[in-house]
Amino acid sequence: MDKEFLSKLYKPMLAGSCAGISEHLCMFPVDTIKTRMQTASFLPGAPSYRSVPHGIIQIGLKEGIPRLYRGVSATVSAAIPSHALYFASYEFVKQILGCNTPGYHVVGNATAGACAIMVHDSIVTPLDVIKQRLQVYNSSHRHVLECANSIIKREGVRALYAAYPVTILMNVPFMAVHFSTYECMKTALTSYCGKFEVPQEIVAGGVAGAIGGFVSTPLDVIKTRLQTQNIKCNYGKSANCSSQKNGFKVCKLICREEGLKGFTRGATARVMYFMPSAAIVWTTYESLKDVFGFKPGGHFECCP
């Protein structure tokens, strides 16, 4: 086993944690608008937003700027360990599959991305539920701990993982597309420009984020429904979109209530979130890898 490579894995972990925090702090208001758009159809009195800028302006004027950041502490708390393990897993699998050698490794990079996201989502999913409960319009929850306690008391711990199967189903192909697109862009831009620095990192990350975010929107709509279907808002009662317990039933409900168009809710916000956020993440990650001196290469030897 390549002990030298394993001894360096703390470097992508540190770089990944910093990248995750940077991404979420910069893009959280857009994520709030995306959640609002996806829950507007079943929450009584919830406003509809024409676009992401319109949503940000409306919330800022009517509810205050801090409302755009409700739940950000849950996201940042999750980002530190989840992104650390996410990028360490990615680099580890890439090395095993020999993807650090010159050339295009579409299948290998897609496999590494899929493995990384499964590790990431096992940590993030419960905090994502809390974050979305805090983000929705007129939420009665005041802060992260109160929200978590309320969910566990009213719905049980299982509610924190209700959307985990759908999240995995969504994020595995999303990250497979995302990582393979990024690595292909990285190889192509390096070949074309003769280097891969900040401008190229921004372009590669932005393209990968936009494509991955768009194609995974329908499953993200289902995930949001599952995670917010039993919200107790300030309406004097629970505002339920349904009592459905799995993604297939929620999928049928959306088809019946809104048609296929319902699966595209928040698509623009999702692309607007992932294009810059992926650019931020990859640029931060690649830059910090250089600072820390993490230069993987060759193949991973599993046996001495």
Foldseek 3Di string as FASTA:
>chain_A
DPVVQVVCLQLLLVLQLVLQLVLCVVQQLLVLLLLQLLCVVQDPPRDHAPASVRVCVVCCVPVNNVLSCALSVLSNVLRNRLRSQLRSQLVVQCQAVQVQAADADLQSQLVSQLVSVLSSCVRNQLSVLLSSLSSYPQAPDDHRVSSSVVCCVPPNPVLSCLLVVLSSVLRSNLRSQLRSQLVVLQNVCCVVVVDCALVSLLVSQLVSQLVSQLVSQLSVSLSSLSSQQQGDGPPPHTRGLDPDRHSVVSVVSCCVPPNPVSSCGSSNSSSVSRNRSSSSSRNSSVVSCVVSVPRDHGHDDPDD
